[in-house]
Amino acid sequence: MFKKLYFSLIAFFFLSTSIVLSETINEIEINGNIRISDSSIVVLSDLKVGDDVNTEDLNNSLKKLYNTNFFNDISLKIENNILKINVDENPIIEDIDIRGIKRNSLVENILDTISLKNRSSFIEAKLDKDLILIKNFLRENGYYFATVNSSILNKLALIPSWIS
């Protein structure tokens, strides 16, 4: 009887514990960033050379990087003790232009209430929420049949060839 109980406790202990594998980061390699510096990404990830990291640490770092709203896509991978961080940055909003509303006070109120702002990262989900917010705001102010459309313009800076 005692042997069965002893064996059962040992079996339960070994089966219930999870094996945590960790690797030491010897180098951090960052790819895909344009505006945000490598050192900023390392600081935001909260990982550094010499850290022993496991899957949970990588998941927490991934969450921290996504919470900055700077990135559209992020992948973290450790190969041969090299942490490889691949990022795809969200574009930056240069200017938000609201057209078709003549009252400046309404335009200012709309710009104050929406979540997308000038010089912030563009996130498609925030645009969808802001469009709904603008429609509701216009209805509350008596514009019941207003339609709200968005257009995204990607502008390129053209530099004459004689400027080097």
N, C-alpha and C. Protein backbone atom coordinates (compact mmCIF):
# COMPACT_ATOMS: atom_id res chain seq x y z
N MET A 1 0.83 -1.19 0.00
CA MET A 1 0.00 0.00 0.00
C MET A 1 0.88 1.26 0.00
N PHE A 2 1.87 1.31 0.85
CA PHE A 2 2.75 2.47 0.95
C PHE A 2 3.54 2.66 -0.33
N LYS A 3 3.97 1.52 -0.96
CA LYS A 3 4.73 1.60 -2.20
C LYS A 3 3.88 2.20 -3.32
N LYS A 4 2.60 1.81 -3.38
CA LYS A 4 1.71 2.34 -4.42
C LYS A 4 1.51 3.85 -4.25
N LEU A 5 1.32 4.28 -3.02
CA LEU A 5 1.13 5.69 -2.75
C LEU A 5 2.41 6.47 -3.08
N TYR A 6 3.54 5.94 -2.67
CA TYR A 6 4.84 6.55 -2.94
C TYR A 6 5.08 6.65 -4.45
N PHE A 7 4.83 5.56 -5.18
CA PHE A 7 5.01 5.54 -6.62
C PHE A 7 4.05 6.53 -7.30
N SER A 8 2.82 6.60 -6.84
CA SER A 8 1.82 7.51 -7.41
C SER A 8 2.23 8.97 -7.21
N LEU A 9 2.76 9.30 -6.02
CA LEU A 9 3.20 10.67 -5.76
C LEU A 9 4.39 11.05 -6.63
N ILE A 10 5.32 10.14 -6.79
CA ILE A 10 6.49 10.41 -7.63
C ILE A 10 6.06 10.57 -9.09
N ALA A 11 5.20 9.69 -9.58
CA ALA A 11 4.71 9.78 -10.96
C ALA A 11 3.96 11.08 -11.18
N PHE A 12 3.10 11.46 -10.23
CA PHE A 12 2.35 12.71 -10.35
C PHE A 12 3.30 13.91 -10.39
N PHE A 13 4.32 13.90 -9.54
CA PHE A 13 5.28 14.99 -9.49
C PHE A 13 5.99 15.16 -10.82
N PHE A 14 6.47 14.07 -11.41
CA PHE A 14 7.21 14.15 -12.67
C PHE A 14 6.30 14.52 -13.85
N LEU A 15 5.08 14.05 -13.84
CA LEU A 15 4.18 14.36 -14.94
C LEU A 15 3.61 15.77 -14.86
N SER A 16 3.51 16.31 -13.65
CA SER A 16 2.90 17.63 -13.51
C SER A 16 3.89 18.77 -13.68
N THR A 17 5.16 18.49 -13.54
CA THR A 17 6.14 19.57 -13.73
C THR A 17 6.45 19.71 -15.20
N SER A 18 6.64 20.93 -15.62
CA SER A 18 6.98 21.18 -17.01
C SER A 18 8.47 21.42 -17.12
N ILE A 19 9.04 20.94 -18.16
CA ILE A 19 10.45 21.13 -18.39
C ILE A 19 10.63 22.47 -19.09
N VAL A 20 11.42 23.33 -18.48
CA VAL A 20 11.65 24.65 -19.04
C VAL A 20 13.04 24.65 -19.65
N LEU A 21 13.07 24.81 -20.96
CA LEU A 21 14.34 24.88 -21.66
C LEU A 21 14.67 26.35 -21.90
N SER A 22 15.87 26.71 -21.56
CA SER A 22 16.27 28.10 -21.80
C SER A 22 17.58 28.11 -22.57
N GLU A 23 17.76 29.20 -23.29
CA GLU A 23 18.98 29.40 -24.06
C GLU A 23 19.55 30.76 -23.70
N THR A 24 20.85 30.86 -23.75
CA THR A 24 21.53 32.12 -23.48
C THR A 24 21.68 32.90 -24.77
N ILE A 25 21.33 34.18 -24.71
CA ILE A 25 21.46 35.04 -25.88
C ILE A 25 22.89 35.56 -25.95
N ASN A 26 23.60 35.19 -27.02
CA ASN A 26 24.97 35.68 -27.22
C ASN A 26 25.01 36.89 -28.14
N GLU A 27 23.96 37.03 -28.98
CA GLU A 27 23.93 38.12 -29.96
C GLU A 27 22.48 38.38 -30.32
N ILE A 28 22.16 39.63 -30.64
CA ILE A 28 20.82 40.00 -31.08
C ILE A 28 20.93 40.59 -32.48
N GLU A 29 20.16 40.01 -33.39
CA GLU A 29 20.15 40.45 -34.79
C GLU A 29 18.75 40.95 -35.13
N ILE A 30 18.66 42.18 -35.65
CA ILE A 30 17.36 42.78 -35.95
C ILE A 30 17.28 43.08 -37.44
N ASN A 31 16.18 42.68 -38.05
CA ASN A 31 15.97 42.89 -39.49
C ASN A 31 14.61 43.53 -39.74
N GLY A 32 14.53 44.36 -40.78
CA GLY A 32 13.26 44.92 -41.23
C GLY A 32 12.95 46.30 -40.69
N ASN A 33 13.72 46.78 -39.74
CA ASN A 33 13.41 48.10 -39.18
C ASN A 33 13.99 49.20 -40.07
N ILE A 34 13.23 50.30 -40.16
CA ILE A 34 13.65 51.44 -40.96
C ILE A 34 13.76 52.68 -40.06
N ARG A 35 12.67 53.03 -39.42
CA ARG A 35 12.65 54.24 -38.58
C ARG A 35 13.15 53.98 -37.16
N ILE A 36 12.83 52.85 -36.63
CA ILE A 36 13.13 52.56 -35.23
C ILE A 36 14.49 51.86 -35.15
N SER A 37 15.36 52.40 -34.33
CA SER A 37 16.74 51.89 -34.27
C SER A 37 16.80 50.51 -33.61
N ASP A 38 17.89 49.82 -33.91
CA ASP A 38 18.12 48.50 -33.31
C ASP A 38 18.12 48.58 -31.80
N SER A 39 18.80 49.59 -31.27
CA SER A 39 18.91 49.70 -29.80
C SER A 39 17.54 49.97 -29.17
N SER A 40 16.68 50.73 -29.85
CA SER A 40 15.33 50.97 -29.33
C SER A 40 14.53 49.68 -29.29
N ILE A 41 14.65 48.87 -30.32
CA ILE A 41 13.92 47.61 -30.36
C ILE A 41 14.41 46.68 -29.25
N VAL A 42 15.71 46.66 -29.01
CA VAL A 42 16.26 45.82 -27.94
C VAL A 42 15.73 46.29 -26.59
N VAL A 43 15.71 47.61 -26.37
CA VAL A 43 15.20 48.14 -25.10
C VAL A 43 13.72 47.82 -24.95
N LEU A 44 12.93 47.99 -26.01
CA LEU A 44 11.50 47.73 -25.95
C LEU A 44 11.20 46.25 -25.73
N SER A 45 12.07 45.38 -26.24
CA SER A 45 11.85 43.94 -26.09
C SER A 45 12.16 43.45 -24.69
N ASP A 46 12.93 44.23 -23.94
CA ASP A 46 13.33 43.88 -22.58
C ASP A 46 14.20 42.62 -22.54
N LEU A 47 14.91 42.35 -23.62
CA LEU A 47 15.87 41.25 -23.69
C LEU A 47 17.24 41.84 -23.98
N LYS A 48 18.27 41.18 -23.47
CA LYS A 48 19.62 41.67 -23.73
C LYS A 48 20.59 40.51 -23.84
N VAL A 49 21.75 40.79 -24.38
CA VAL A 49 22.79 39.79 -24.54
C VAL A 49 23.18 39.29 -23.15
N GLY A 50 23.28 37.97 -23.03
CA GLY A 50 23.62 37.35 -21.76
C GLY A 50 22.43 36.81 -21.00
N ASP A 51 21.22 37.19 -21.40
CA ASP A 51 20.01 36.69 -20.74
C ASP A 51 19.79 35.22 -21.06
N ASP A 52 19.32 34.46 -20.07
CA ASP A 52 18.83 33.11 -20.30
C ASP A 52 17.33 33.24 -20.54
N VAL A 53 16.88 32.89 -21.73
CA VAL A 53 15.47 33.07 -22.08
C VAL A 53 14.82 31.73 -22.39
N ASN A 54 13.54 31.66 -22.08
CA ASN A 54 12.73 30.51 -22.43
C ASN A 54 11.54 30.99 -23.27
N THR A 55 10.64 30.11 -23.57
CA THR A 55 9.50 30.45 -24.42
C THR A 55 8.64 31.53 -23.80
N GLU A 56 8.46 31.48 -22.50
CA GLU A 56 7.64 32.49 -21.82
C GLU A 56 8.28 33.87 -21.93
N ASP A 57 9.59 33.93 -21.80
CA ASP A 57 10.29 35.22 -21.94
C ASP A 57 10.11 35.78 -23.35
N LEU A 58 10.21 34.91 -24.35
CA LEU A 58 10.03 35.36 -25.74
C LEU A 58 8.61 35.84 -25.97
N ASN A 59 7.63 35.13 -25.41
CA ASN A 59 6.23 35.55 -25.55
C ASN A 59 5.99 36.91 -24.90
N ASN A 60 6.56 37.12 -23.71
CA ASN A 60 6.40 38.41 -23.03
C ASN A 60 7.07 39.52 -23.82
N SER A 61 8.22 39.25 -24.38
CA SER A 61 8.91 40.24 -25.21
C SER A 61 8.09 40.57 -26.45
N LEU A 62 7.52 39.57 -27.06
CA LEU A 62 6.67 39.77 -28.24
C LEU A 62 5.48 40.66 -27.91
N LYS A 63 4.85 40.41 -26.77
CA LYS A 63 3.72 41.24 -26.33
C LYS A 63 4.14 42.69 -26.12
N LYS A 64 5.30 42.88 -25.49
CA LYS A 64 5.79 44.24 -25.24
C LYS A 64 6.05 44.98 -26.54
N LEU A 65 6.61 44.28 -27.52
CA LEU A 65 6.88 44.93 -28.80
C LEU A 65 5.58 45.27 -29.53
N TYR A 66 4.60 44.36 -29.51
CA TYR A 66 3.32 44.65 -30.15
C TYR A 66 2.58 45.78 -29.46
N ASN A 67 2.71 45.88 -28.14
CA ASN A 67 2.00 46.93 -27.39
C ASN A 67 2.52 48.32 -27.71
N THR A 68 3.68 48.44 -28.33
CA THR A 68 4.18 49.76 -28.72
C THR A 68 3.41 50.34 -29.90
N ASN A 69 2.71 49.51 -30.65
CA ASN A 69 1.98 49.89 -31.87
C ASN A 69 2.91 50.39 -32.97
N PHE A 70 4.20 50.11 -32.86
CA PHE A 70 5.14 50.50 -33.91
C PHE A 70 5.21 49.47 -35.02
N PHE A 71 4.76 48.25 -34.76
CA PHE A 71 5.01 47.14 -35.68
C PHE A 71 3.71 46.47 -36.12
N ASN A 72 3.70 46.11 -37.40
CA ASN A 72 2.60 45.37 -37.98
C ASN A 72 2.80 43.87 -37.78
N ASP A 73 4.04 43.43 -37.87
CA ASP A 73 4.36 42.01 -37.72
C ASP A 73 5.72 41.88 -37.05
N ILE A 74 5.83 40.92 -36.14
CA ILE A 74 7.08 40.68 -35.42
C ILE A 74 7.28 39.17 -35.30
N SER A 75 8.52 38.74 -35.50
CA SER A 75 8.83 37.34 -35.21
C SER A 75 10.14 37.29 -34.44
N LEU A 76 10.16 36.42 -33.44
CA LEU A 76 11.35 36.20 -32.61
C LEU A 76 11.77 34.75 -32.77
N LYS A 77 13.06 34.55 -32.97
CA LYS A 77 13.56 33.19 -33.13
C LYS A 77 14.99 33.13 -32.61
N ILE A 78 15.31 32.05 -31.93
CA ILE A 78 16.68 31.86 -31.44
C ILE A 78 17.30 30.73 -32.24
N GLU A 79 18.41 31.04 -32.92
CA GLU A 79 19.18 30.05 -33.67
C GLU A 79 20.64 30.18 -33.28
N ASN A 80 21.22 29.10 -32.80
CA ASN A 80 22.63 29.10 -32.41
C ASN A 80 22.95 30.21 -31.42
N ASN A 81 22.06 30.40 -30.44
CA ASN A 81 22.19 31.42 -29.39
C ASN A 81 22.18 32.85 -29.93
N ILE A 82 21.66 33.02 -31.14
CA ILE A 82 21.46 34.35 -31.72
C ILE A 82 19.96 34.62 -31.75
N LEU A 83 19.53 35.67 -31.06
CA LEU A 83 18.14 36.07 -31.08
C LEU A 83 17.90 36.87 -32.35
N LYS A 84 17.03 36.37 -33.22
CA LYS A 84 16.71 37.06 -34.47
C LYS A 84 15.32 37.67 -34.32
N ILE A 85 15.28 39.00 -34.43
CA ILE A 85 14.03 39.75 -34.34
C ILE A 85 13.76 40.33 -35.72
N ASN A 86 12.68 39.87 -36.34
CA ASN A 86 12.26 40.39 -37.65
C ASN A 86 11.00 41.23 -37.43
N VAL A 87 11.03 42.47 -37.91
CA VAL A 87 9.91 43.38 -37.71
C VAL A 87 9.43 43.94 -39.04
N ASP A 88 8.16 44.29 -39.06
CA ASP A 88 7.55 45.02 -40.16
C ASP A 88 6.87 46.23 -39.52
N GLU A 89 7.40 47.42 -39.76
CA GLU A 89 6.92 48.62 -39.09
C GLU A 89 5.61 49.10 -39.68
N ASN A 90 4.75 49.63 -38.80
CA ASN A 90 3.55 50.31 -39.26
C ASN A 90 3.94 51.64 -39.87
N PRO A 91 3.23 52.08 -40.92
CA PRO A 91 3.55 53.40 -41.49
C PRO A 91 3.16 54.51 -40.52
N ILE A 92 3.77 55.67 -40.69
CA ILE A 92 3.47 56.84 -39.86
C ILE A 92 2.46 57.73 -40.59
N ILE A 93 1.50 58.23 -39.84
CA ILE A 93 0.50 59.14 -40.40
C ILE A 93 1.12 60.53 -40.48
N GLU A 94 1.19 61.07 -41.66
CA GLU A 94 1.73 62.42 -41.84
C GLU A 94 0.67 63.46 -41.50
N ASP A 95 -0.53 63.30 -42.04
CA ASP A 95 -1.56 64.31 -41.84
C ASP A 95 -2.93 63.68 -41.97
N ILE A 96 -3.84 64.08 -41.11
CA ILE A 96 -5.24 63.65 -41.20
C ILE A 96 -6.03 64.85 -41.70
N ASP A 97 -6.72 64.64 -42.80
CA ASP A 97 -7.47 65.72 -43.43
C ASP A 97 -8.94 65.31 -43.48
N ILE A 98 -9.79 66.09 -42.84
CA ILE A 98 -11.23 65.83 -42.85
C ILE A 98 -11.86 66.82 -43.81
N ARG A 99 -12.55 66.28 -44.81
CA ARG A 99 -13.16 67.12 -45.85
C ARG A 99 -14.68 66.98 -45.82
N GLY A 100 -15.36 68.01 -46.25
CA GLY A 100 -16.80 67.97 -46.39
C GLY A 100 -17.56 68.55 -45.21
N ILE A 101 -16.88 68.85 -44.15
CA ILE A 101 -17.51 69.47 -42.98
C ILE A 101 -17.04 70.92 -42.93
N LYS A 102 -18.03 71.82 -42.98
CA LYS A 102 -17.67 73.24 -43.05
C LYS A 102 -17.43 73.87 -41.68
N ARG A 103 -18.08 73.34 -40.65
CA ARG A 103 -17.90 73.91 -39.31
C ARG A 103 -16.58 73.44 -38.71
N ASN A 104 -15.69 74.38 -38.48
CA ASN A 104 -14.37 74.04 -37.93
C ASN A 104 -14.46 73.44 -36.54
N SER A 105 -15.46 73.83 -35.77
CA SER A 105 -15.60 73.28 -34.41
C SER A 105 -15.90 71.77 -34.47
N LEU A 106 -16.70 71.35 -35.45
CA LEU A 106 -16.97 69.91 -35.61
C LEU A 106 -15.70 69.16 -36.00
N VAL A 107 -14.94 69.73 -36.92
CA VAL A 107 -13.71 69.09 -37.36
C VAL A 107 -12.74 68.95 -36.18
N GLU A 108 -12.62 70.01 -35.39
CA GLU A 108 -11.72 69.97 -34.23
C GLU A 108 -12.18 68.93 -33.22
N ASN A 109 -13.50 68.85 -32.98
CA ASN A 109 -14.02 67.85 -32.05
C ASN A 109 -13.78 66.42 -32.56
N ILE A 110 -13.93 66.23 -33.84
CA ILE A 110 -13.68 64.90 -34.42
C ILE A 110 -12.20 64.55 -34.26
N LEU A 111 -11.32 65.47 -34.58
CA LEU A 111 -9.88 65.20 -34.45
C LEU A 111 -9.48 64.94 -33.01
N ASP A 112 -10.17 65.56 -32.06
CA ASP A 112 -9.86 65.32 -30.65
C ASP A 112 -10.34 63.94 -30.18
N THR A 113 -11.42 63.43 -30.77
CA THR A 113 -12.01 62.18 -30.27
C THR A 113 -11.45 60.92 -30.94
N ILE A 114 -10.94 61.04 -32.16
CA ILE A 114 -10.44 59.83 -32.83
C ILE A 114 -9.10 59.40 -32.24
N SER A 115 -8.81 58.12 -32.38
CA SER A 115 -7.57 57.59 -31.79
C SER A 115 -6.36 57.77 -32.69
N LEU A 116 -6.55 57.79 -34.01
CA LEU A 116 -5.43 58.03 -34.91
C LEU A 116 -5.10 59.53 -34.89
N LYS A 117 -3.83 59.83 -34.77
CA LYS A 117 -3.38 61.21 -34.70
C LYS A 117 -2.25 61.43 -35.69
N ASN A 118 -2.00 62.69 -36.03
CA ASN A 118 -0.86 63.02 -36.86
C ASN A 118 0.43 62.56 -36.18
N ARG A 119 1.36 62.07 -36.98
CA ARG A 119 2.68 61.61 -36.52
C ARG A 119 2.61 60.38 -35.61
N SER A 120 1.52 59.61 -35.71
CA SER A 120 1.42 58.35 -34.95
C SER A 120 1.43 57.19 -35.94
N SER A 121 1.54 55.99 -35.42
CA SER A 121 1.54 54.80 -36.27
C SER A 121 0.15 54.53 -36.81
N PHE A 122 0.09 54.15 -38.08
CA PHE A 122 -1.20 53.82 -38.69
C PHE A 122 -1.52 52.36 -38.41
N ILE A 123 -2.71 52.13 -37.83
CA ILE A 123 -3.18 50.78 -37.54
C ILE A 123 -4.58 50.65 -38.12
N GLU A 124 -4.75 49.66 -38.98
CA GLU A 124 -6.02 49.47 -39.70
C GLU A 124 -7.20 49.32 -38.75
N ALA A 125 -7.03 48.59 -37.67
CA ALA A 125 -8.13 48.38 -36.72
C ALA A 125 -8.56 49.69 -36.08
N LYS A 126 -7.61 50.57 -35.79
CA LYS A 126 -7.96 51.88 -35.23
C LYS A 126 -8.72 52.73 -36.24
N LEU A 127 -8.37 52.61 -37.52
CA LEU A 127 -9.08 53.35 -38.56
C LEU A 127 -10.54 52.91 -38.60
N ASP A 128 -10.77 51.60 -38.55
CA ASP A 128 -12.15 51.09 -38.58
C ASP A 128 -12.96 51.61 -37.39
N LYS A 129 -12.36 51.61 -36.21
CA LYS A 129 -13.05 52.12 -35.02
C LYS A 129 -13.30 53.62 -35.13
N ASP A 130 -12.33 54.35 -35.68
CA ASP A 130 -12.49 55.80 -35.83
C ASP A 130 -13.59 56.15 -36.83
N LEU A 131 -13.72 55.38 -37.89
CA LEU A 131 -14.79 55.63 -38.86
C LEU A 131 -16.16 55.47 -38.21
N ILE A 132 -16.32 54.45 -37.39
CA ILE A 132 -17.58 54.24 -36.67
C ILE A 132 -17.81 55.39 -35.69
N LEU A 133 -16.75 55.80 -35.01
CA LEU A 133 -16.84 56.89 -34.05
C LEU A 133 -17.26 58.19 -34.74
N ILE A 134 -16.70 58.45 -35.92
CA ILE A 134 -17.06 59.67 -36.67
C ILE A 134 -18.51 59.63 -37.11
N LYS A 135 -18.97 58.48 -37.59
CA LYS A 135 -20.38 58.35 -37.99
C LYS A 135 -21.31 58.63 -36.82
N ASN A 136 -21.00 58.04 -35.67
CA ASN A 136 -21.84 58.27 -34.48
C ASN A 136 -21.79 59.72 -34.03
N PHE A 137 -20.62 60.33 -34.09
CA PHE A 137 -20.47 61.73 -33.71
C PHE A 137 -21.31 62.62 -34.62
N LEU A 138 -21.28 62.36 -35.92
CA LEU A 138 -22.07 63.16 -36.86
C LEU A 138 -23.57 62.97 -36.63
N ARG A 139 -24.00 61.75 -36.34
CA ARG A 139 -25.43 61.50 -36.04
C ARG A 139 -25.86 62.27 -34.80
N GLU A 140 -25.00 62.28 -33.78
CA GLU A 140 -25.33 63.00 -32.55
C GLU A 140 -25.46 64.50 -32.79
N ASN A 141 -24.81 65.00 -33.83
CA ASN A 141 -24.85 66.42 -34.15
C ASN A 141 -25.82 66.74 -35.28
N GLY A 142 -26.72 65.81 -35.59
CA GLY A 142 -27.80 66.08 -36.54
C GLY A 142 -27.52 65.71 -37.98
N TYR A 143 -26.39 65.12 -38.28
CA TYR A 143 -26.08 64.72 -39.65
C TYR A 143 -26.40 63.23 -39.79
N TYR A 144 -27.71 62.93 -39.92
CA TYR A 144 -28.17 61.54 -39.90
C TYR A 144 -27.84 60.76 -41.16
N PHE A 145 -27.72 61.42 -42.27
CA PHE A 145 -27.50 60.72 -43.54
C PHE A 145 -26.09 60.92 -44.08
N ALA A 146 -25.18 61.29 -43.22
CA ALA A 146 -23.80 61.51 -43.65
C ALA A 146 -23.12 60.17 -43.93
N THR A 147 -22.32 60.17 -44.97
CA THR A 147 -21.49 58.99 -45.27
C THR A 147 -20.04 59.35 -44.96
N VAL A 148 -19.33 58.37 -44.45
CA VAL A 148 -17.94 58.60 -44.07
C VAL A 148 -17.08 57.62 -44.85
N ASN A 149 -16.14 58.14 -45.60
CA ASN A 149 -15.21 57.32 -46.37
C ASN A 149 -13.79 57.68 -45.97
N SER A 150 -12.91 56.72 -46.12
CA SER A 150 -11.50 57.02 -45.84
C SER A 150 -10.69 56.75 -47.10
N SER A 151 -9.65 57.50 -47.24
CA SER A 151 -8.71 57.24 -48.33
C SER A 151 -7.31 57.41 -47.76
N ILE A 152 -6.45 56.52 -48.17
CA ILE A 152 -5.08 56.53 -47.69
C ILE A 152 -4.18 56.87 -48.87
N LEU A 153 -3.43 57.92 -48.72
CA LEU A 153 -2.53 58.34 -49.78
C LEU A 153 -1.10 58.06 -49.35
N ASN A 154 -0.38 57.38 -50.18
CA ASN A 154 1.05 57.18 -49.95
C ASN A 154 1.78 58.17 -50.83
N LYS A 155 2.45 59.09 -50.22
CA LYS A 155 3.16 60.12 -50.97
C LYS A 155 4.64 59.79 -50.98
N LEU A 156 5.25 60.00 -52.11
CA LEU A 156 6.69 59.81 -52.24
C LEU A 156 7.34 61.18 -52.42
N ALA A 157 8.46 61.35 -51.81
CA ALA A 157 9.19 62.60 -51.99
C ALA A 157 10.04 62.47 -53.23
N LEU A 158 9.78 63.32 -54.20
CA LEU A 158 10.54 63.30 -55.44
C LEU A 158 11.68 64.30 -55.33
N ILE A 159 12.88 63.84 -55.48
CA ILE A 159 14.06 64.69 -55.37
C ILE A 159 14.68 64.81 -56.77
N PRO A 160 14.84 66.04 -57.24
CA PRO A 160 15.44 66.20 -58.57
C PRO A 160 16.83 65.57 -58.61
N SER A 161 17.21 65.11 -59.80
CA SER A 161 18.47 64.40 -59.93
C SER A 161 19.69 65.28 -59.70
N TRP A 162 19.53 66.61 -59.83
CA TRP A 162 20.68 67.49 -59.65
C TRP A 162 21.01 67.72 -58.18
N ILE A 163 20.12 67.24 -57.24
CA ILE A 163 20.42 67.33 -55.81
C ILE A 163 21.09 66.03 -55.41
N SER A 164 22.29 66.11 -54.89
CA SER A 164 22.98 64.88 -54.51
C SER A 164 23.08 64.72 -53.02
